[in-house]
Amino acid sequence: MTLYHGSKKIIERPSTDMIHYACGFGQGFYLTPDEERAKEYAVSIGQDGYVSTYNVDLDKYDVLDLTSDEYSPLNWAALLASNRSIDAFSIEALSAKRYLIDNYTPQGSYDVVVGCRCDGVYTRVATDFINGKLSYRALRRMINVGETQYAIISEEVLDDLQFVGAEFVSSAANYPKKDFNYCKKLDGYNKRLNAAARDGDEYIGDIMKEER
């Protein structure tokens, strides 16, 4: 398959230690199957960038696919809470965070993790869910409409990435689109967060009570 990475420079030989902060799926090299999204990731205000393109065969590796029916949004939230700083604003939220990490963090050793992209909006999604502000139904909906990302965790897969080439990306041409899409996503999330609860909506506290 073909995957893309947007950044300030061309990356011919990526490595997991190129990521120096806590990412949602752990220390790794993050890519997207969407070239247009990669162009947005490549730029910031006044800063041009590049989209590096790679081919790789993932069939021979252990892939944790959080988009498959085997996993639920709770697995995604647990993995995110394990790898990023998710604020818990009450004792109940601290208990919910620990509950998710202990019971829903996917187990095993994986070479690649596939799932909903953990950007700023989605860190807030996980935070609001853990703090009891977002229903499970709304969490599932947000995950379903989110952007898919691939996190290459193992050096073996990184060594197997075939660098195809790179394309220059103009900030002037692509940053307005990036800003628009981010604001649209944030606005859509705020509307879901502030929408009236539906009959049968469950929150993390309800899930914890049912499963105990």
C-alpha atoms as a PDB file:
ATOM      1  CA  MET A   1       0.000   0.000   0.000  1.00  0.00           C
ATOM      2  CA  THR A   2       0.987   3.644  -0.365  1.00  0.00           C
ATOM      3  CA  LEU A   3       1.264   5.920   2.681  1.00  0.00           C
ATOM      4  CA  TYR A   4       2.212   9.569   3.101  1.00  0.00           C
ATOM      5  CA  HIS A   5       3.996  11.671   5.715  1.00  0.00           C
ATOM      6  CA  GLY A   6       3.746  15.446   5.846  1.00  0.00           C
ATOM      7  CA  SER A   7       6.495  17.431   7.578  1.00  0.00           C
ATOM      8  CA  LYS A   8       8.858  20.381   7.220  1.00  0.00           C
ATOM      9  CA  LYS A   9      11.483  18.265   5.484  1.00  0.00           C
ATOM     10  CA  ILE A  10      11.872  15.310   3.163  1.00  0.00           C
ATOM     11  CA  ILE A  11      12.281  12.072   5.109  1.00  0.00           C
ATOM     12  CA  GLU A  12      13.855   9.300   3.082  1.00  0.00           C
ATOM     13  CA  ARG A  13      14.883   7.104   6.023  1.00  0.00           C
ATOM     14  CA  PRO A  14      12.395   7.500   8.888  1.00  0.00           C
ATOM     15  CA  SER A  15      12.897   6.159  12.406  1.00  0.00           C
ATOM     16  CA  THR A  16      10.704   5.877  15.488  1.00  0.00           C
ATOM     17  CA  ASP A  17      12.921   8.244  17.483  1.00  0.00           C
ATOM     18  CA  MET A  18      11.999  11.080  15.124  1.00  0.00           C
ATOM     19  CA  ILE A  19       8.914  11.518  17.308  1.00  0.00           C
ATOM     20  CA  HIS A  20       9.976  13.216  20.524  1.00  0.00           C
ATOM     21  CA  TYR A  21       6.592  13.705  22.194  1.00  0.00           C
ATOM     22  CA  ALA A  22       3.795  11.468  23.363  1.00  0.00           C
ATOM     23  CA  CYS A  23       1.659  10.436  20.410  1.00  0.00           C
ATOM     24  CA  GLY A  24      -1.671   8.701  20.661  1.00  0.00           C
ATOM     25  CA  PHE A  25      -0.485   5.265  19.607  1.00  0.00           C
ATOM     26  CA  GLY A  26       2.972   5.439  21.179  1.00  0.00           C
ATOM     27  CA  GLN A  27       6.457   6.191  19.939  1.00  0.00           C
ATOM     28  CA  GLY A  28       6.467   5.713  16.197  1.00  0.00           C
ATOM     29  CA  PHE A  29       6.477   7.146  12.692  1.00  0.00           C
ATOM     30  CA  TYR A  30       2.997   8.349  11.734  1.00  0.00           C
ATOM     31  CA  LEU A  31       1.547   8.245   8.234  1.00  0.00           C
ATOM     32  CA  THR A  32      -1.751   8.706   6.438  1.00  0.00           C
ATOM     33  CA  PRO A  33      -3.282   6.955   3.412  1.00  0.00           C
ATOM     34  CA  ASP A  34      -4.697  10.343   2.304  1.00  0.00           C
ATOM     35  CA  GLU A  35      -2.250  12.449   0.279  1.00  0.00           C
ATOM     36  CA  GLU A  36      -4.347  15.609   0.609  1.00  0.00           C
ATOM     37  CA  ARG A  37      -4.362  15.289   4.395  1.00  0.00           C
ATOM     38  CA  ALA A  38      -0.609  14.789   4.361  1.00  0.00           C
ATOM     39  CA  LYS A  39      -0.267  18.123   2.562  1.00  0.00           C
ATOM     40  CA  GLU A  40      -2.159  19.792   5.402  1.00  0.00           C
ATOM     41  CA  TYR A  41       0.014  18.102   8.018  1.00  0.00           C
ATOM     42  CA  ALA A  42       3.136  19.306   6.193  1.00  0.00           C
ATOM     43  CA  VAL A  43       2.523  23.022   6.616  1.00  0.00           C
ATOM     44  CA  SER A  44       2.028  25.623   9.326  1.00  0.00           C
ATOM     45  CA  ILE A  45       1.582  29.399   9.184  1.00  0.00           C
ATOM     46  CA  GLY A  46       4.301  30.736   6.886  1.00  0.00           C
ATOM     47  CA  GLN A  47       6.113  27.376   6.912  1.00  0.00           C
ATOM     48  CA  ASP A  48       6.213  25.304   3.719  1.00  0.00           C
ATOM     49  CA  GLY A  49       6.761  21.582   3.852  1.00  0.00           C
ATOM     50  CA  TYR A  50       6.997  18.310   1.974  1.00  0.00           C
ATOM     51  CA  VAL A  51       4.954  15.168   1.557  1.00  0.00           C
ATOM     52  CA  SER A  52       7.132  12.066   1.515  1.00  0.00           C
ATOM     53  CA  THR A  53       5.592   8.999  -0.141  1.00  0.00           C
ATOM     54  CA  TYR A  54       6.253   5.360   0.759  1.00  0.00           C
ATOM     55  CA  ASN A  55       5.195   1.909  -0.370  1.00  0.00           C
ATOM     56  CA  VAL A  56       5.041  -0.966   2.096  1.00  0.00           C
ATOM     57  CA  ASP A  57       3.548  -4.452   2.378  1.00  0.00           C
ATOM     58  CA  LEU A  58       1.972  -4.721   5.842  1.00  0.00           C
ATOM     59  CA  ASP A  59       0.536  -8.221   5.367  1.00  0.00           C
ATOM     60  CA  LYS A  60       3.646  -9.833   6.828  1.00  0.00           C
ATOM     61  CA  TYR A  61       3.575  -7.791  10.025  1.00  0.00           C
ATOM     62  CA  ASP A  62       1.512  -7.765  13.211  1.00  0.00           C
ATOM     63  CA  VAL A  63      -1.016  -4.973  12.738  1.00  0.00           C
ATOM     64  CA  LEU A  64      -3.292  -3.698  15.488  1.00  0.00           C
ATOM     65  CA  ASP A  65      -6.263  -2.415  13.475  1.00  0.00           C
ATOM     66  CA  LEU A  66      -8.500  -0.414  15.786  1.00  0.00           C
ATOM     67  CA  THR A  67     -10.893   0.214  12.890  1.00  0.00           C
ATOM     68  CA  SER A  68     -11.834  -3.484  12.712  1.00  0.00           C
ATOM     69  CA  ASP A  69     -14.926  -4.968  14.378  1.00  0.00           C
ATOM     70  CA  GLU A  70     -12.655  -6.717  16.874  1.00  0.00           C
ATOM     71  CA  TYR A  71     -12.128  -3.435  18.704  1.00  0.00           C
ATOM     72  CA  SER A  72     -14.342  -0.659  20.024  1.00  0.00           C
ATOM     73  CA  PRO A  73     -13.909   3.065  20.693  1.00  0.00           C
ATOM     74  CA  LEU A  74     -13.078   2.094  24.274  1.00  0.00           C
ATOM     75  CA  ASN A  75      -9.888   0.424  23.020  1.00  0.00           C
ATOM     76  CA  TRP A  76      -8.981   3.591  21.121  1.00  0.00           C
ATOM     77  CA  ALA A  77      -9.634   5.791  24.174  1.00  0.00           C
ATOM     78  CA  ALA A  78      -7.627   3.461  26.411  1.00  0.00           C
ATOM     79  CA  LEU A  79      -4.624   3.455  24.089  1.00  0.00           C
ATOM     80  CA  LEU A  80      -4.753   7.223  23.784  1.00  0.00           C
ATOM     81  CA  ALA A  81      -4.987   7.611  27.563  1.00  0.00           C
ATOM     82  CA  SER A  82      -1.981   5.308  27.944  1.00  0.00           C
ATOM     83  CA  ASN A  83       0.207   7.397  25.649  1.00  0.00           C
ATOM     84  CA  ARG A  84      -0.919  10.991  26.002  1.00  0.00           C
ATOM     85  CA  SER A  85      -1.539  13.302  28.931  1.00  0.00           C
ATOM     86  CA  ILE A  86      -5.307  13.146  29.385  1.00  0.00           C
ATOM     87  CA  ASP A  87      -6.573  15.455  32.135  1.00  0.00           C
ATOM     88  CA  ALA A  88      -8.967  13.966  34.669  1.00  0.00           C
ATOM     89  CA  PHE A  89     -10.780  16.692  36.588  1.00  0.00           C
ATOM     90  CA  SER A  90     -12.358  14.602  39.343  1.00  0.00           C
ATOM     91  CA  ILE A  91     -11.872  11.426  41.355  1.00  0.00           C
ATOM     92  CA  GLU A  92     -14.496   9.773  39.162  1.00  0.00           C
ATOM     93  CA  ALA A  93     -12.583  10.753  36.015  1.00  0.00           C
ATOM     94  CA  LEU A  94      -9.320   9.440  37.462  1.00  0.00           C
ATOM     95  CA  SER A  95     -11.076   6.139  38.160  1.00  0.00           C
ATOM     96  CA  ALA A  96     -12.515   6.088  34.628  1.00  0.00           C
ATOM     97  CA  LYS A  97      -9.105   6.725  33.087  1.00  0.00           C
ATOM     98  CA  ARG A  98      -7.520   3.923  35.124  1.00  0.00           C
ATOM     99  CA  TYR A  99     -10.452   1.630  34.308  1.00  0.00           C
ATOM    100  CA  LEU A 100     -10.016   2.150  30.567  1.00  0.00           C
ATOM    101  CA  ILE A 101      -6.251   1.680  30.677  1.00  0.00           C
ATOM    102  CA  ASP A 102      -6.472  -1.460  32.800  1.00  0.00           C
ATOM    103  CA  ASN A 103      -9.332  -3.119  30.939  1.00  0.00           C
ATOM    104  CA  TYR A 104      -9.291  -1.880  27.347  1.00  0.00           C
ATOM    105  CA  THR A 105      -5.689  -1.192  26.371  1.00  0.00           C
ATOM    106  CA  PRO A 106      -4.954  -3.691  23.559  1.00  0.00           C
ATOM    107  CA  GLN A 107      -2.493  -6.313  24.684  1.00  0.00           C
ATOM    108  CA  GLY A 108       0.380  -7.848  22.789  1.00  0.00           C
ATOM    109  CA  SER A 109       3.270  -6.649  20.707  1.00  0.00           C
ATOM    110  CA  TYR A 110       2.476  -4.896  17.435  1.00  0.00           C
ATOM    111  CA  ASP A 111       4.513  -3.586  14.538  1.00  0.00           C
ATOM    112  CA  VAL A 112       1.846  -1.172  13.275  1.00  0.00           C
ATOM    113  CA  VAL A 113      -1.206   0.483  14.826  1.00  0.00           C
ATOM    114  CA  VAL A 114      -4.070   1.676  12.626  1.00  0.00           C
ATOM    115  CA  GLY A 115      -6.819   3.883  13.988  1.00  0.00           C
ATOM    116  CA  CYS A 116      -8.506   7.260  14.227  1.00  0.00           C
ATOM    117  CA  ARG A 117      -5.968  10.084  14.153  1.00  0.00           C
ATOM    118  CA  CYS A 118      -5.160  11.516  17.584  1.00  0.00           C
ATOM    119  CA  ASP A 119      -4.951  15.248  16.909  1.00  0.00           C
ATOM    120  CA  GLY A 120      -5.901  18.107  19.207  1.00  0.00           C
ATOM    121  CA  VAL A 121      -9.631  17.721  18.647  1.00  0.00           C
ATOM    122  CA  TYR A 122      -9.526  13.998  19.321  1.00  0.00           C
ATOM    123  CA  THR A 123      -7.431  14.425  22.449  1.00  0.00           C
ATOM    124  CA  ARG A 124     -10.301  16.603  23.642  1.00  0.00           C
ATOM    125  CA  VAL A 125     -12.778  13.883  22.576  1.00  0.00           C
ATOM    126  CA  ALA A 126     -10.992  11.348  24.791  1.00  0.00           C
ATOM    127  CA  THR A 127     -10.682  13.867  27.623  1.00  0.00           C
ATOM    128  CA  ASP A 128     -14.379  14.759  27.553  1.00  0.00           C
ATOM    129  CA  PHE A 129     -15.396  11.093  27.425  1.00  0.00           C
ATOM    130  CA  ILE A 130     -13.196  10.201  30.399  1.00  0.00           C
ATOM    131  CA  ASN A 131     -14.549  13.181  32.331  1.00  0.00           C
ATOM    132  CA  GLY A 132     -18.134  12.087  31.732  1.00  0.00           C
ATOM    133  CA  LYS A 133     -19.098  14.935  29.399  1.00  0.00           C
ATOM    134  CA  LEU A 134     -19.366  12.898  26.179  1.00  0.00           C
ATOM    135  CA  SER A 135     -21.639   9.901  25.673  1.00  0.00           C
ATOM    136  CA  TYR A 136     -20.407   6.609  24.295  1.00  0.00           C
ATOM    137  CA  ARG A 137     -22.687   7.092  21.277  1.00  0.00           C
ATOM    138  CA  ALA A 138     -21.051  10.436  20.480  1.00  0.00           C
ATOM    139  CA  LEU A 139     -17.583   8.957  21.024  1.00  0.00           C
ATOM    140  CA  ARG A 140     -18.348   6.166  18.549  1.00  0.00           C
ATOM    141  CA  ARG A 141     -19.663   8.663  16.013  1.00  0.00           C
ATOM    142  CA  MET A 142     -16.546  10.821  16.293  1.00  0.00           C
ATOM    143  CA  ILE A 143     -14.292   7.790  15.828  1.00  0.00           C
ATOM    144  CA  ASN A 144     -16.258   6.696  12.765  1.00  0.00           C
ATOM    145  CA  VAL A 145     -15.842  10.052  10.997  1.00  0.00           C
ATOM    146  CA  GLY A 146     -12.214  10.601  12.033  1.00  0.00           C
ATOM    147  CA  GLU A 147      -9.135  10.462   9.830  1.00  0.00           C
ATOM    148  CA  THR A 148      -7.230   7.183   9.724  1.00  0.00           C
ATOM    149  CA  GLN A 149      -3.557   7.156  10.650  1.00  0.00           C
ATOM    150  CA  TYR A 150      -0.882   4.465  10.594  1.00  0.00           C
ATOM    151  CA  ALA A 151       1.688   4.394  13.375  1.00  0.00           C
ATOM    152  CA  ILE A 152       4.785   2.404  12.461  1.00  0.00           C
ATOM    153  CA  ILE A 153       6.072   1.162  15.806  1.00  0.00           C
ATOM    154  CA  SER A 154       8.805  -1.319  14.897  1.00  0.00           C
ATOM    155  CA  GLU A 155      12.140  -0.551  13.282  1.00  0.00           C
ATOM    156  CA  GLU A 156      11.707  -3.630  11.093  1.00  0.00           C
ATOM    157  CA  VAL A 157       8.726  -2.099   9.298  1.00  0.00           C
ATOM    158  CA  LEU A 158      10.506   1.258   9.007  1.00  0.00           C
ATOM    159  CA  ASP A 159      13.429  -0.471   7.329  1.00  0.00           C
ATOM    160  CA  ASP A 160      10.948  -2.032   4.910  1.00  0.00           C
ATOM    161  CA  LEU A 161       9.391   1.291   3.864  1.00  0.00           C
ATOM    162  CA  GLN A 162      10.220   2.010   0.232  1.00  0.00           C
ATOM    163  CA  PHE A 163      10.720   5.724  -0.270  1.00  0.00           C
ATOM    164  CA  VAL A 164       9.023   6.686  -3.542  1.00  0.00           C
ATOM    165  CA  GLY A 165       9.669  10.412  -3.599  1.00  0.00           C
ATOM    166  CA  ALA A 166       8.661  13.742  -2.121  1.00  0.00           C
ATOM    167  CA  GLU A 167       6.541  16.706  -3.180  1.00  0.00           C
ATOM    168  CA  PHE A 168       6.967  20.329  -2.119  1.00  0.00           C
ATOM    169  CA  VAL A 169       3.899  21.721  -0.346  1.00  0.00           C
ATOM    170  CA  SER A 170       3.184  25.450  -0.233  1.00  0.00           C
ATOM    171  CA  SER A 171       1.918  26.887   3.039  1.00  0.00           C
ATOM    172  CA  ALA A 172       0.120  29.688   1.192  1.00  0.00           C
ATOM    173  CA  ALA A 173      -1.853  27.178  -0.863  1.00  0.00           C
ATOM    174  CA  ASN A 174      -2.510  24.551   1.805  1.00  0.00           C
ATOM    175  CA  TYR A 175      -2.584  26.175   5.246  1.00  0.00           C
ATOM    176  CA  PRO A 176      -5.962  27.905   4.699  1.00  0.00           C
ATOM    177  CA  LYS A 177      -7.449  24.498   3.854  1.00  0.00           C
ATOM    178  CA  LYS A 178      -5.838  22.987   6.947  1.00  0.00           C
ATOM    179  CA  ASP A 179      -7.204  25.746   9.157  1.00  0.00           C
ATOM    180  CA  PHE A 180     -10.672  25.506   7.602  1.00  0.00           C
ATOM    181  CA  ASN A 181     -10.862  21.735   8.023  1.00  0.00           C
ATOM    182  CA  TYR A 182      -9.662  21.912  11.628  1.00  0.00           C
ATOM    183  CA  CYS A 183     -12.209  24.599  12.529  1.00  0.00           C
ATOM    184  CA  LYS A 184     -14.961  22.627  10.786  1.00  0.00           C
ATOM    185  CA  LYS A 185     -14.039  19.488  12.721  1.00  0.00           C
ATOM    186  CA  LEU A 186     -13.902  21.388  16.019  1.00  0.00           C
ATOM    187  CA  ASP A 187     -17.245  23.058  15.338  1.00  0.00           C
ATOM    188  CA  GLY A 188     -18.823  19.705  14.498  1.00  0.00           C
ATOM    189  CA  TYR A 189     -17.500  18.217  17.694  1.00  0.00           C
ATOM    190  CA  ASN A 190     -18.748  21.109  19.838  1.00  0.00           C
ATOM    191  CA  LYS A 191     -22.228  20.632  18.385  1.00  0.00           C
ATOM    192  CA  ARG A 192     -22.170  16.927  19.311  1.00  0.00           C
ATOM    193  CA  LEU A 193     -20.825  17.706  22.772  1.00  0.00           C
ATOM    194  CA  ASN A 194     -23.519  20.290  23.476  1.00  0.00           C
ATOM    195  CA  ALA A 195     -26.401  18.363  21.917  1.00  0.00           C
ATOM    196  CA  ALA A 196     -29.139  17.154  24.245  1.00  0.00           C
ATOM    197  CA  ALA A 197     -28.705  13.614  25.522  1.00  0.00           C
ATOM    198  CA  ARG A 198     -30.782  10.922  23.837  1.00  0.00           C
ATOM    199  CA  ASP A 199     -32.746   8.188  25.565  1.00  0.00           C
ATOM    200  CA  GLY A 200     -30.420   5.297  26.256  1.00  0.00           C
ATOM    201  CA  ASP A 201     -27.205   7.339  26.078  1.00  0.00           C
ATOM    202  CA  GLU A 202     -24.462   5.832  28.202  1.00  0.00           C
ATOM    203  CA  TYR A 203     -21.482   7.560  29.728  1.00  0.00           C
ATOM    204  CA  ILE A 204     -18.256   6.103  31.052  1.00  0.00           C
ATOM    205  CA  GLY A 205     -19.680   5.891  34.592  1.00  0.00           C
ATOM    206  CA  ASP A 206     -22.627   3.840  33.313  1.00  0.00           C
ATOM    207  CA  ILE A 207     -20.302   1.485  31.437  1.00  0.00           C
ATOM    208  CA  MET A 208     -18.158   0.973  34.528  1.00  0.00           C
ATOM    209  CA  LYS A 209     -21.222   0.150  36.679  1.00  0.00           C
ATOM    210  CA  GLU A 210     -22.605  -2.312  34.141  1.00  0.00           C
ATOM    211  CA  GLU A 211     -19.336  -4.218  33.790  1.00  0.00           C
ATOM    212  CA  ARG A 212     -18.613  -4.520  37.513  1.00  0.00           C
END
